[in-house]
PDB file of N, CA and C in Angstrom:
ATOM      1  N   MET A   1       4.019 -82.245-104.101  1.00  0.00           N
ATOM      2  CA  MET A   1       3.056 -81.768-104.842  1.00  0.00           C
ATOM      3  C   MET A   1       2.047 -82.579-105.109  1.00  0.00           C
ATOM      4  N   LEU A   2       2.461 -83.516-104.966  1.00  0.00           N
ATOM      5  CA  LEU A   2       1.548 -84.818-105.412  1.00  0.00           C
ATOM      6  C   LEU A   2       0.000 -85.016-104.383  1.00  0.00           C
ATOM      7  N   ARG A   3       0.915 -84.846-103.291  1.00  0.00           N
ATOM      8  CA  ARG A   3      -0.029 -84.699-101.319  1.00  0.00           C
ATOM      9  C   ARG A   3      -1.409 -83.341-101.693  1.00  0.00           C
ATOM     10  N   THR A   4      -0.563 -82.424-102.249  1.00  0.00           N
ATOM     11  CA  THR A   4      -1.157 -81.556-102.170  1.00  0.00           C
ATOM     12  C   THR A   4      -2.287 -80.872-103.047  1.00  0.00           C
ATOM     13  N   VAL A   5      -2.323 -81.681-103.644  1.00  0.00           N
ATOM     14  CA  VAL A   5      -3.026 -81.812-105.553  1.00  0.00           C
ATOM     15  C   VAL A   5      -4.466 -83.205-104.610  1.00  0.00           C
ATOM     16  N   ALA A   6      -3.871 -84.122-103.625  1.00  0.00           N
ATOM     17  CA  ALA A   6      -5.330 -85.458-103.281  1.00  0.00           C
ATOM     18  C   ALA A   6      -5.375 -84.486-102.363  1.00  0.00           C
ATOM     19  N   ASN A   7      -4.766 -83.422-101.283  1.00  0.00           N
ATOM     20  CA  ASN A   7      -5.166 -82.830-100.180  1.00  0.00           C
ATOM     21  C   ASN A   7      -6.834 -81.599-100.973  1.00  0.00           C
ATOM     22  N   ILE A   8      -6.601 -81.610-101.947  1.00  0.00           N
ATOM     23  CA  ILE A   8      -7.406 -80.464-102.323  1.00  0.00           C
ATOM     24  C   ILE A   8      -8.708 -80.541-102.804  1.00  0.00           C
ATOM     25  N   ILE A   9      -8.236 -82.394-103.847  1.00  0.00           N
ATOM     26  CA  ILE A   9      -9.037 -82.900-104.413  1.00  0.00           C
ATOM     27  C   ILE A   9     -10.572 -83.573-103.406  1.00  0.00           C
ATOM     28  N   ALA A  10      -9.660 -83.866-102.525  1.00  0.00           N
ATOM     29  CA  ALA A  10     -10.176 -84.676-100.873  1.00  0.00           C
ATOM     30  C   ALA A  10     -10.958 -84.325-100.266  1.00  0.00           C
ATOM     31  N   ALA A  11     -10.552 -82.594-100.656  1.00  0.00           N
ATOM     32  CA  ALA A  11     -11.407 -80.908 -99.497  1.00  0.00           C
ATOM     33  C   ALA A  11     -12.614 -80.839-100.219  1.00  0.00           C
ATOM     34  N   ILE A  12     -12.217 -81.288-101.949  1.00  0.00           N
ATOM     35  CA  ILE A  12     -13.214 -80.543-102.255  1.00  0.00           C
ATOM     36  C   ILE A  12     -14.599 -81.920-102.731  1.00  0.00           C
ATOM     37  N   ALA A  13     -14.586 -83.020-102.505  1.00  0.00           N
ATOM     38  CA  ALA A  13     -14.758 -84.261-102.176  1.00  0.00           C
ATOM     39  C   ALA A  13     -15.774 -84.386-101.129  1.00  0.00           C
ATOM     40  N   VAL A  14     -15.046 -84.073-100.114  1.00  0.00           N
ATOM     41  CA  VAL A  14     -15.963 -83.651 -98.411  1.00  0.00           C
ATOM     42  C   VAL A  14     -16.906 -82.290 -98.956  1.00  0.00           C
ATOM     43  N   MET A  15     -16.606 -81.497 -99.425  1.00  0.00           N
ATOM     44  CA  MET A  15     -17.317 -80.617 -99.381  1.00  0.00           C
ATOM     45  C   MET A  15     -18.800 -80.759-100.257  1.00  0.00           C
ATOM     46  N   PHE A  16     -18.590 -81.287-101.107  1.00  0.00           N
ATOM     47  CA  PHE A  16     -19.333 -81.471-102.338  1.00  0.00           C
ATOM     48  C   PHE A  16     -20.267 -83.211-101.828  1.00  0.00           C
ATOM     49  N   LEU A  17     -19.805 -83.558-100.480  1.00  0.00           N
ATOM     50  CA  LEU A  17     -20.984 -84.535-100.153  1.00  0.00           C
ATOM     51  C   LEU A  17     -21.068 -83.995 -98.843  1.00  0.00           C
ATOM     52  N   ALA A  18     -20.865 -83.069 -98.736  1.00  0.00           N
ATOM     53  CA  ALA A  18     -21.618 -82.493 -97.100  1.00  0.00           C
ATOM     54  C   ALA A  18     -22.760 -81.670 -98.553  1.00  0.00           C
ATOM     55  N   PHE A  19     -23.011 -80.756 -98.825  1.00  0.00           N
ATOM     56  CA  PHE A  19     -23.617 -79.202 -99.768  1.00  0.00           C
ATOM     57  C   PHE A  19     -24.972 -81.392-100.215  1.00  0.00           C
ATOM     58  N   LEU A  20     -24.602 -82.443-100.708  1.00  0.00           N
ATOM     59  CA  LEU A  20     -25.781 -83.136-101.029  1.00  0.00           C
ATOM     60  C   LEU A  20     -25.812 -83.697-100.015  1.00  0.00           C
ATOM     61  N   GLY A  21     -25.878 -83.843 -98.526  1.00  0.00           N
ATOM     62  CA  GLY A  21     -25.725 -84.549 -97.448  1.00  0.00           C
ATOM     63  C   GLY A  21     -27.223 -83.386 -96.798  1.00  0.00           C
ATOM     64  N   MET A  22     -26.706 -81.651 -96.576  1.00  0.00           N
ATOM     65  CA  MET A  22     -28.064 -80.920 -96.989  1.00  0.00           C
ATOM     66  C   MET A  22     -29.221 -80.426 -97.821  1.00  0.00           C
ATOM     67  N   VAL A  23     -28.643 -81.342 -99.281  1.00  0.00           N
ATOM     68  CA  VAL A  23     -30.049 -80.692 -99.827  1.00  0.00           C
ATOM     69  C   VAL A  23     -30.284 -82.336 -99.488  1.00  0.00           C
ATOM     70  N   LYS A  24     -30.146 -83.226 -98.695  1.00  0.00           N
ATOM     71  CA  LYS A  24     -31.002 -84.923 -99.164  1.00  0.00           C
ATOM     72  C   LYS A  24     -31.549 -84.603 -97.166  1.00  0.00           C
ATOM     73  N   VAL A  25     -31.142 -84.157 -96.695  1.00  0.00           N
ATOM     74  CA  VAL A  25     -31.913 -84.182 -95.013  1.00  0.00           C
ATOM     75  C   VAL A  25     -32.839 -82.543 -96.234  1.00  0.00           C
ATOM     76  N   GLY A  26     -32.698 -81.022 -95.894  1.00  0.00           N
ATOM     77  CA  GLY A  26     -33.753 -80.681 -96.679  1.00  0.00           C
ATOM     78  C   GLY A  26     -34.911 -81.163 -97.055  1.00  0.00           C
ATOM     79  N   GLY A  27     -34.739 -81.572 -98.090  1.00  0.00           N
ATOM     80  CA  GLY A  27     -35.851 -82.255 -98.691  1.00  0.00           C
ATOM     81  C   GLY A  27     -36.903 -83.159 -97.575  1.00  0.00           C
ATOM     82  N   TRP A  28     -35.830 -83.940 -97.324  1.00  0.00           N
ATOM     83  CA  TRP A  28     -36.161 -84.806 -96.622  1.00  0.00           C
ATOM     84  C   TRP A  28     -37.430 -84.355 -95.364  1.00  0.00           C
ATOM     85  N   TYR A  29     -36.465 -82.858 -94.844  1.00  0.00           N
ATOM     86  CA  TYR A  29     -37.678 -82.740 -93.935  1.00  0.00           C
ATOM     87  C   TYR A  29     -39.006 -81.687 -94.558  1.00  0.00           C
ATOM     88  N   LEU A  30     -38.591 -81.574 -95.551  1.00  0.00           N
ATOM     89  CA  LEU A  30     -39.498 -80.754 -96.539  1.00  0.00           C
ATOM     90  C   LEU A  30     -41.060 -81.402 -96.505  1.00  0.00           C
ATOM     91  N   ASP A  31     -40.459 -82.636 -97.001  1.00  0.00           N
ATOM     92  CA  ASP A  31     -41.596 -83.283 -97.175  1.00  0.00           C
ATOM     93  C   ASP A  31     -41.924 -84.332 -95.774  1.00  0.00           C
ATOM     94  N   ALA A  32     -42.022 -83.979 -95.397  1.00  0.00           N
ATOM     95  CA  ALA A  32     -42.068 -84.917 -93.468  1.00  0.00           C
ATOM     96  C   ALA A  32     -43.373 -83.465 -93.339  1.00  0.00           C
ATOM     97  N   GLU A  33     -42.944 -82.469 -93.309  1.00  0.00           N
ATOM     98  CA  GLU A  33     -43.644 -81.623 -92.901  1.00  0.00           C
ATOM     99  C   GLU A  33     -44.683 -81.973 -94.083  1.00  0.00           C
ATOM    100  N   GLU A  34     -45.075 -81.474 -95.076  1.00  0.00           N
ATOM    101  CA  GLU A  34     -46.658 -81.639 -95.589  1.00  0.00           C
ATOM    102  C   GLU A  34     -46.714 -82.709 -94.366  1.00  0.00           C
ATOM    103  N   ARG A  35     -46.804 -84.033 -94.687  1.00  0.00           N
ATOM    104  CA  ARG A  35     -47.375 -85.307 -94.121  1.00  0.00           C
ATOM    105  C   ARG A  35     -47.157 -85.109 -92.847  1.00  0.00           C
ATOM    106  N   GLN A  36     -46.642 -84.355 -91.770  1.00  0.00           N
ATOM    107  CA  GLN A  36     -47.415 -83.956 -90.775  1.00  0.00           C
ATOM    108  C   GLN A  36     -48.020 -82.349 -90.712  1.00  0.00           C
ATOM    109  N   VAL A  37     -48.581 -81.759 -91.088  1.00  0.00           N
ATOM    110  CA  VAL A  37     -48.906 -80.920 -91.777  1.00  0.00           C
ATOM    111  C   VAL A  37     -51.041 -80.633 -92.133  1.00  0.00           C
ATOM    112  N   ARG A  38     -51.234 -82.598 -92.826  1.00  0.00           N
ATOM    113  CA  ARG A  38     -52.092 -82.646 -92.891  1.00  0.00           C
ATOM    114  C   ARG A  38     -52.489 -83.948 -92.151  1.00  0.00           C
ATOM    115  N   ASP A  39     -51.350 -84.555 -90.947  1.00  0.00           N
ATOM    116  CA  ASP A  39     -51.661 -85.754 -90.336  1.00  0.00           C
ATOM    117  C   ASP A  39     -52.474 -84.734 -88.903  1.00  0.00           C
ATOM    118  N   GLY A  40     -52.677 -83.626 -89.128  1.00  0.00           N
ATOM    119  CA  GLY A  40     -52.378 -83.020 -88.041  1.00  0.00           C
ATOM    120  C   GLY A  40     -51.662 -82.736 -86.685  1.00  0.00           C
ATOM    121  N   VAL A  41     -50.086 -82.611 -87.109  1.00  0.00           N
ATOM    122  CA  VAL A  41     -49.292 -82.699 -86.126  1.00  0.00           C
ATOM    123  C   VAL A  41     -48.898 -81.368 -85.979  1.00  0.00           C
ATOM    124  N   LYS A  42     -49.018 -80.186 -87.263  1.00  0.00           N
ATOM    125  CA  LYS A  42     -48.141 -78.990 -87.591  1.00  0.00           C
ATOM    126  C   LYS A  42     -49.225 -78.201 -87.672  1.00  0.00           C
ATOM    127  N   ASP A  43     -48.906 -76.567 -86.842  1.00  0.00           N
ATOM    128  CA  ASP A  43     -49.646 -75.902 -88.051  1.00  0.00           C
ATOM    129  C   ASP A  43     -49.307 -75.642 -89.420  1.00  0.00           C
ATOM    130  N   PRO A  44     -50.792 -75.752 -90.146  1.00  0.00           N
ATOM    131  CA  PRO A  44     -50.270 -75.787 -90.823  1.00  0.00           C
ATOM    132  C   PRO A  44     -49.255 -73.604 -91.321  1.00  0.00           C
ATOM    133  N   ARG A  45     -50.204 -72.796 -90.599  1.00  0.00           N
ATOM    134  CA  ARG A  45     -49.612 -71.640 -90.006  1.00  0.00           C
ATOM    135  C   ARG A  45     -47.961 -71.693 -89.940  1.00  0.00           C
ATOM    136  N   THR A  46     -47.436 -73.122 -89.327  1.00  0.00           N
ATOM    137  CA  THR A  46     -45.778 -72.658 -89.194  1.00  0.00           C
ATOM    138  C   THR A  46     -44.738 -73.472 -90.447  1.00  0.00           C
ATOM    139  N   ALA A  47     -45.794 -73.975 -91.667  1.00  0.00           N
ATOM    140  CA  ALA A  47     -45.228 -74.830 -92.339  1.00  0.00           C
ATOM    141  C   ALA A  47     -44.438 -73.972 -93.009  1.00  0.00           C
ATOM    142  N   ILE A  48     -43.013 -74.483 -93.752  1.00  0.00           N
ATOM    143  CA  ILE A  48     -42.247 -72.644 -94.845  1.00  0.00           C
ATOM    144  C   ILE A  48     -42.453 -73.489 -95.760  1.00  0.00           C
ATOM    145  N   LEU A  49     -43.302 -74.662 -96.562  1.00  0.00           N
ATOM    146  CA  LEU A  49     -44.634 -74.542 -97.674  1.00  0.00           C
ATOM    147  C   LEU A  49     -45.722 -74.069 -97.414  1.00  0.00           C
ATOM    148  N   PRO A  50     -45.979 -73.673 -98.666  1.00  0.00           N
ATOM    149  CA  PRO A  50     -47.766 -73.668 -98.124  1.00  0.00           C
ATOM    150  C   PRO A  50     -48.201 -75.447 -98.832  1.00  0.00           C
ATOM    151  N   VAL A  51     -48.397 -75.358 -98.014  1.00  0.00           N
ATOM    152  CA  VAL A  51     -49.539 -76.778 -98.482  1.00  0.00           C
ATOM    153  C   VAL A  51     -50.645 -77.189 -98.471  1.00  0.00           C
ATOM    154  N   ILE A  52     -51.755 -77.768 -99.939  1.00  0.00           N
ATOM    155  CA  ILE A  52     -52.689 -77.019-100.598  1.00  0.00           C
ATOM    156  C   ILE A  52     -53.568 -78.050-100.466  1.00  0.00           C
ATOM    157  N   ASP A  53     -55.324 -78.017-100.071  1.00  0.00           N
ATOM    158  CA  ASP A  53     -56.169 -78.939 -99.940  1.00  0.00           C
ATOM    159  C   ASP A  53     -55.681 -79.812 -98.445  1.00  0.00           C
ATOM    160  N   VAL A  54     -55.697 -78.735 -97.161  1.00  0.00           N
ATOM    161  CA  VAL A  54     -54.951 -79.763 -96.049  1.00  0.00           C
ATOM    162  C   VAL A  54     -56.283 -79.887 -95.716  1.00  0.00           C
ATOM    163  N   ILE A  55     -57.617 -79.111 -95.404  1.00  0.00           N
ATOM    164  CA  ILE A  55     -58.661 -79.581 -94.458  1.00  0.00           C
ATOM    165  C   ILE A  55     -59.577 -80.160 -95.724  1.00  0.00           C
ATOM    166  N   ARG A  56     -60.253 -81.187 -95.424  1.00  0.00           N
ATOM    167  CA  ARG A  56     -61.018 -82.219 -96.315  1.00  0.00           C
ATOM    168  C   ARG A  56     -62.203 -81.617 -95.499  1.00  0.00           C
TER     169      ARG A  56
END
């Protein structure tokens, strides 16, 4: 019984950490995307988020 509860808690912890990892990586990717558009590496038309003030 105790082992089953521990396995369930461990599974929930792993899913939570995986979700946090996806959020962190997604935020990093979108942050890097804005920098790439501003540096001219990426085309602003293909950006996921609108980048404001690209052309100066």
